[in-house]
Amino acid sequence: MDKYYLFTDSTTDLPQSFFENNDVETVYLSYVLDGTEHRDDLDPESKHAFYAKMRAGAHPVTSQINVDQFTSRWTPIMEEGADIVYLAFSSGLSGTCDGAIFAKQILEERYPGRHIYIIDSLAASVGEGLLAIKAAQMRAQGLSAKELADYLEANKLKMHHWFTVDDLAYLRRGGRVSAAAAFVGSLLNIKPMLHVNVEGKLIPLERVKGRKKSIAYLFDRFMEFASDKTQLVGISHADCFDDANALATMIKNAAPVEDVLISDIGAVIGSHAGPGTLALFFFGPSRDLP
């Protein structure tokens, strides 16, 4: 079997230890805050300060990964004679995947016989992260690059994303939801509930009264849609650990899950979702909801 490298993005919101312990490569998106560009790799200790600035009115601006960045990172691997499997941040939320596709075309023409397999995850945050964890596990079981790419393509739409935000204004500002949908966020103590659809885009679904009910809504979606109640479940949060822990406890008390991974939402996704975002991820049937 030809050697290959497994890549994914900083937008998986996974701890650095995952990448180090599983030999998974990361490409980093970036953001600009207070006039300075930063790589999307904030450690947990600094995320609170990032969201505090957002709460105080800061408007960070994010940047995707461009073609030149991909070709620069991948050229040495092609020269080594190895292939690449890249699990990409949803094309419904970023142009990063498009940059990777252009880089693939350039490099595969430049290095005949080498292959770059790009999987548009149509996922974000720990939804993309759980797919990356599964990819690392399947590679360890001996799957070839093409076999792994085929597996991810066949299963990526089974990754459910359910989340709530404190204020849809952040998503509206970045063009992720419409102005009409964002109006919901201005209503007193109304918490919008959203999911990521089969096109990898954010879709507002319902609205509930209060944070406690929004957490219960997420729990109910797990109980309704999780195809395997023993699986690894993911939760990510934007500076609201207590809420994330409360949701994890509800799930653990109700189902024999393998574990619940709680992770901080990084700066790139957090710039658009805003502080107070709480998200739940798990495998289920296709997320093509009626």
Protein backbone atom coordinates (compact mmCIF):
# COMPACT_ATOMS: atom_id res chain seq x y z
CA MET A 1 0.00 0.00 0.00
CA ASP A 2 1.35 3.42 -0.95
CA LYS A 3 2.18 5.74 1.93
CA TYR A 4 -0.24 8.59 2.52
CA TYR A 5 -0.75 11.52 4.87
CA LEU A 6 -4.04 12.34 6.55
CA PHE A 7 -4.90 16.06 6.69
CA THR A 8 -7.75 18.05 8.17
CA ASP A 9 -8.38 21.62 9.35
CA SER A 10 -8.02 23.65 12.50
CA THR A 11 -11.81 24.00 12.31
CA THR A 12 -12.19 20.47 13.71
CA ASP A 13 -11.81 22.16 17.12
CA LEU A 14 -9.94 19.10 18.41
CA PRO A 15 -7.17 19.32 21.02
CA GLN A 16 -3.60 19.43 19.74
CA SER A 17 -2.94 16.11 21.47
CA PHE A 18 -5.22 14.33 18.94
CA PHE A 19 -3.05 15.42 16.02
CA GLU A 20 0.19 14.60 17.80
CA ASN A 21 -0.95 11.18 19.03
CA ASN A 22 -2.57 10.06 15.78
CA ASP A 23 -0.14 11.45 13.19
CA VAL A 24 -2.78 13.68 11.59
CA GLU A 25 -1.67 16.86 9.82
CA THR A 26 -3.48 20.19 10.25
CA VAL A 27 -3.94 23.14 7.93
CA TYR A 28 -4.75 26.35 9.77
CA LEU A 29 -7.28 28.96 8.84
CA SER A 30 -6.65 32.43 10.22
CA TYR A 31 -8.41 35.47 11.63
CA VAL A 32 -7.70 39.15 12.21
CA LEU A 33 -8.42 40.69 15.62
CA ASP A 34 -7.38 44.18 16.76
CA GLY A 35 -5.58 44.67 13.46
CA THR A 36 -3.35 41.61 13.90
CA GLU A 37 -3.57 38.34 11.97
CA HIS A 38 -3.57 35.15 14.03
CA ARG A 39 -3.45 31.45 13.23
CA ASP A 40 -6.54 29.50 14.28
CA ASP A 41 -4.77 27.58 17.03
CA LEU A 42 -5.74 29.28 20.27
CA ASP A 43 -5.01 27.24 23.35
CA PRO A 44 -7.93 26.74 25.77
CA GLU A 45 -6.54 29.29 28.24
CA SER A 46 -6.70 32.11 25.68
CA LYS A 47 -10.16 31.37 24.26
CA HIS A 48 -11.92 33.04 27.18
CA ALA A 49 -10.07 36.28 26.43
CA PHE A 50 -11.01 35.99 22.74
CA TYR A 51 -14.72 35.66 23.50
CA ALA A 52 -14.54 38.39 26.12
CA LYS A 53 -13.36 40.74 23.36
CA MET A 54 -16.26 39.66 21.17
CA ARG A 55 -18.70 40.31 24.01
CA ALA A 56 -17.14 43.77 24.34
CA GLY A 57 -17.83 44.49 20.67
CA ALA A 58 -14.80 43.19 18.74
CA HIS A 59 -15.51 41.93 15.20
CA PRO A 60 -12.84 39.43 14.15
CA VAL A 61 -12.50 38.71 10.42
CA THR A 62 -11.59 35.23 9.18
CA SER A 63 -9.57 34.01 6.20
CA GLN A 64 -9.67 30.72 4.31
CA ILE A 65 -6.65 28.75 3.15
CA ASN A 66 -5.64 29.64 -0.41
CA VAL A 67 -4.19 27.63 -3.27
CA ASP A 68 -0.60 28.73 -2.67
CA GLN A 69 -0.75 27.68 0.97
CA PHE A 70 -1.96 24.22 0.00
CA THR A 71 0.60 23.74 -2.77
CA SER A 72 3.41 24.89 -0.49
CA ARG A 73 2.36 22.44 2.23
CA TRP A 74 1.71 19.49 -0.08
CA THR A 75 4.58 19.77 -2.58
CA PRO A 76 7.17 18.09 -0.29
CA ILE A 77 4.77 15.17 0.22
CA MET A 78 4.35 14.74 -3.53
CA GLU A 79 8.14 14.87 -3.94
CA GLU A 80 8.42 12.19 -1.26
CA GLY A 81 6.22 9.93 -3.39
CA ALA A 82 3.33 9.81 -0.93
CA ASP A 83 -0.38 10.53 -1.36
CA ILE A 84 -2.77 12.70 0.67
CA VAL A 85 -6.26 12.33 2.10
CA TYR A 86 -7.67 15.72 3.08
CA LEU A 87 -10.87 16.03 5.11
CA ALA A 88 -11.94 19.62 4.39
CA PHE A 89 -14.03 22.20 6.24
CA SER A 90 -17.55 22.43 4.78
CA SER A 91 -17.73 24.13 1.38
CA GLY A 92 -21.07 25.53 2.57
CA LEU A 93 -19.21 27.66 5.12
CA SER A 94 -15.80 28.39 3.58
CA GLY A 95 -13.95 28.52 0.27
CA THR A 96 -11.07 26.52 1.76
CA CYS A 97 -12.16 23.31 0.04
CA ASP A 98 -12.14 25.08 -3.33
CA GLY A 99 -8.55 26.16 -2.73
CA ALA A 100 -7.60 22.57 -2.00
CA ILE A 101 -9.27 21.35 -5.21
CA PHE A 102 -7.27 23.82 -7.30
CA ALA A 103 -4.06 22.76 -5.53
CA LYS A 104 -4.88 19.11 -6.22
CA GLN A 105 -5.23 19.83 -9.94
CA ILE A 106 -1.89 21.62 -10.03
CA LEU A 107 0.02 19.00 -8.05
CA GLU A 108 -1.42 15.88 -9.64
CA GLU A 109 -0.46 17.28 -13.04
CA ARG A 110 3.00 18.14 -11.76
CA TYR A 111 3.51 14.75 -10.08
CA PRO A 112 1.94 12.03 -12.25
CA GLY A 113 1.04 8.90 -10.33
CA ARG A 114 0.46 10.71 -7.05
CA HIS A 115 -3.03 11.28 -5.70
CA ILE A 116 -4.72 13.82 -3.44
CA TYR A 117 -8.14 12.71 -2.20
CA ILE A 118 -10.27 15.63 -1.04
CA ILE A 119 -13.39 14.98 0.99
CA ASP A 120 -15.68 17.98 1.43
CA SER A 121 -16.81 17.07 4.93
CA LEU A 122 -19.90 19.31 4.76
CA ALA A 123 -19.18 19.51 8.48
CA ALA A 124 -17.79 21.95 11.01
CA SER A 125 -16.26 22.08 14.48
CA VAL A 126 -16.34 18.76 16.31
CA GLY A 127 -18.64 17.37 13.61
CA GLU A 128 -15.62 17.56 11.30
CA GLY A 129 -13.52 16.49 14.28
CA LEU A 130 -15.43 13.24 14.88
CA LEU A 131 -15.00 12.41 11.19
CA ALA A 132 -11.26 13.05 11.59
CA ILE A 133 -11.15 10.76 14.63
CA LYS A 134 -12.94 8.04 12.67
CA ALA A 135 -10.57 8.56 9.73
CA ALA A 136 -7.53 8.08 11.98
CA GLN A 137 -9.06 4.89 13.39
CA MET A 138 -9.84 3.48 9.94
CA ARG A 139 -6.34 4.29 8.67
CA ALA A 140 -4.91 2.43 11.68
CA GLN A 141 -6.97 -0.57 10.61
CA GLY A 142 -5.09 -0.60 7.30
CA LEU A 143 -7.34 1.20 4.83
CA SER A 144 -5.62 2.57 1.75
CA ALA A 145 -5.93 6.24 0.85
CA LYS A 146 -8.71 5.57 -1.67
CA GLU A 147 -10.53 3.20 0.68
CA LEU A 148 -10.44 5.81 3.43
CA ALA A 149 -11.66 8.56 1.09
CA ASP A 150 -14.51 6.33 -0.08
CA TYR A 151 -15.48 5.54 3.52
CA LEU A 152 -15.58 9.22 4.48
CA GLU A 153 -17.63 10.12 1.42
CA ALA A 154 -20.12 7.38 2.23
CA ASN A 155 -20.52 8.36 5.89
CA LYS A 156 -20.01 12.13 6.16
CA LEU A 157 -23.71 13.00 5.88
CA LYS A 158 -24.46 10.74 8.84
CA MET A 159 -22.69 13.24 11.09
CA HIS A 160 -25.41 15.30 12.78
CA HIS A 161 -24.83 18.91 13.87
CA TRP A 162 -27.30 20.46 16.30
CA PHE A 163 -26.55 23.75 17.99
CA THR A 164 -27.84 26.90 19.60
CA VAL A 165 -26.42 30.41 19.66
CA ASP A 166 -27.01 33.29 22.01
CA ASP A 167 -27.47 35.78 19.18
CA LEU A 168 -27.92 35.14 15.45
CA ALA A 169 -26.50 38.60 14.72
CA TYR A 170 -22.99 37.09 14.55
CA LEU A 171 -24.05 34.58 11.89
CA ARG A 172 -25.97 37.27 9.98
CA ARG A 173 -22.93 39.57 9.99
CA GLY A 174 -20.85 36.86 8.34
CA GLY A 175 -23.57 36.00 5.82
CA ARG A 176 -24.22 32.57 7.33
CA VAL A 177 -27.94 33.23 7.89
CA SER A 178 -30.38 35.78 6.49
CA ALA A 179 -31.28 39.04 8.18
CA ALA A 180 -34.85 37.79 8.58
CA ALA A 181 -33.67 34.70 10.43
CA ALA A 182 -31.35 36.78 12.58
CA PHE A 183 -34.29 38.85 13.84
CA VAL A 184 -35.20 35.89 16.03
CA GLY A 185 -32.04 36.48 18.01
CA SER A 186 -33.19 39.90 19.09
CA LEU A 187 -36.25 38.60 20.93
CA LEU A 188 -36.07 38.48 24.70
CA ASN A 189 -34.45 35.25 25.93
CA ILE A 190 -35.35 33.37 22.74
CA LYS A 191 -32.72 30.81 21.78
CA PRO A 192 -32.58 29.83 18.09
CA MET A 193 -31.89 26.16 17.33
CA LEU A 194 -29.98 25.31 14.15
CA HIS A 195 -28.44 22.41 12.29
CA VAL A 196 -26.08 21.89 9.35
CA ASN A 197 -27.86 20.54 6.28
CA VAL A 198 -26.69 18.18 3.54
CA GLU A 199 -25.14 21.12 1.68
CA GLY A 200 -23.02 21.95 4.73
CA LYS A 201 -24.92 25.18 5.40
CA LEU A 202 -26.38 26.52 8.65
CA ILE A 203 -30.15 26.28 8.83
CA PRO A 204 -32.28 27.83 11.62
CA LEU A 205 -34.98 25.34 12.64
CA GLU A 206 -36.87 26.39 15.75
CA ARG A 207 -36.69 28.76 18.67
CA VAL A 208 -37.14 27.96 22.33
CA LYS A 209 -37.51 30.03 25.47
CA GLY A 210 -34.42 30.12 27.66
CA ARG A 211 -31.07 28.37 27.88
CA LYS A 212 -32.29 25.39 29.89
CA LYS A 213 -34.84 24.51 27.23
CA SER A 214 -32.28 24.93 24.46
CA ILE A 215 -29.98 22.42 26.17
CA ALA A 216 -32.90 20.03 26.58
CA TYR A 217 -33.66 20.45 22.87
CA LEU A 218 -30.13 19.32 21.97
CA PHE A 219 -30.42 16.34 24.31
CA ASP A 220 -33.74 15.35 22.71
CA ARG A 221 -32.16 15.42 19.25
CA PHE A 222 -29.52 12.94 20.41
CA MET A 223 -32.15 10.62 21.84
CA GLU A 224 -34.19 10.88 18.64
CA PHE A 225 -31.53 10.64 15.95
CA ALA A 226 -28.42 8.90 17.35
CA SER A 227 -28.19 5.60 15.50
CA ASP A 228 -25.94 4.06 18.16
CA LYS A 229 -26.30 5.15 21.76
CA THR A 230 -22.86 3.69 22.60
CA GLN A 231 -20.89 5.93 20.23
CA LEU A 232 -18.43 8.73 20.98
CA VAL A 233 -20.40 11.97 21.18
CA GLY A 234 -18.98 15.45 20.59
CA ILE A 235 -19.89 18.77 22.21
CA SER A 236 -18.25 22.09 21.42
CA HIS A 237 -18.84 25.41 23.09
CA ALA A 238 -17.86 29.06 22.81
CA ASP A 239 -16.92 29.98 26.36
CA CYS A 240 -19.88 28.24 28.04
CA PHE A 241 -18.32 25.12 29.56
CA ASP A 242 -20.94 24.75 32.29
CA ASP A 243 -23.67 24.41 29.67
CA ALA A 244 -21.57 21.92 27.70
CA ASN A 245 -20.95 19.89 30.83
CA ALA A 246 -24.66 19.95 31.72
CA LEU A 247 -25.53 18.56 28.27
CA ALA A 248 -22.81 15.91 28.52
CA THR A 249 -24.14 14.81 31.92
CA MET A 250 -27.68 14.49 30.56
CA ILE A 251 -26.45 12.28 27.73
CA LYS A 252 -24.26 10.11 29.96
CA ASN A 253 -27.12 9.59 32.41
CA ALA A 254 -29.49 8.53 29.63
CA ALA A 255 -27.33 6.42 27.32
CA PRO A 256 -24.32 4.06 27.53
CA VAL A 257 -22.13 6.30 25.34
CA GLU A 258 -18.47 5.48 24.82
CA ASP A 259 -17.63 8.98 26.02
CA VAL A 260 -18.54 12.62 25.46
CA LEU A 261 -15.76 14.77 24.03
CA ILE A 262 -16.11 18.40 25.15
CA SER A 263 -14.05 20.91 23.19
CA ASP A 264 -13.69 24.67 22.82
CA ILE A 265 -14.92 26.27 19.62
CA GLY A 266 -11.93 27.85 17.93
CA ALA A 267 -11.57 31.44 16.84
CA VAL A 268 -12.49 30.97 13.17
CA ILE A 269 -15.84 29.30 13.81
CA GLY A 270 -16.37 31.33 16.97
CA SER A 271 -15.93 34.57 15.03
CA HIS A 272 -19.12 33.73 13.13
CA ALA A 273 -21.13 31.82 15.74
CA GLY A 274 -20.37 34.13 18.65
CA PRO A 275 -19.82 33.55 22.37
CA GLY A 276 -22.33 31.30 24.07
CA THR A 277 -22.66 28.90 21.13
CA LEU A 278 -23.30 25.31 22.20
CA ALA A 279 -23.17 22.44 19.67
CA LEU A 280 -23.80 18.69 19.71
CA PHE A 281 -22.44 16.13 17.23
CA PHE A 282 -23.09 12.43 16.70
CA PHE A 283 -23.59 9.79 14.00
CA GLY A 284 -27.15 9.04 12.93
CA PRO A 285 -29.14 8.47 9.76
CA SER A 286 -28.63 10.95 6.92
CA ARG A 287 -29.16 14.47 8.19
CA ASP A 288 -31.43 15.29 5.25
CA LEU A 289 -34.32 16.47 7.39
CA PRO A 290 -37.85 17.01 6.01
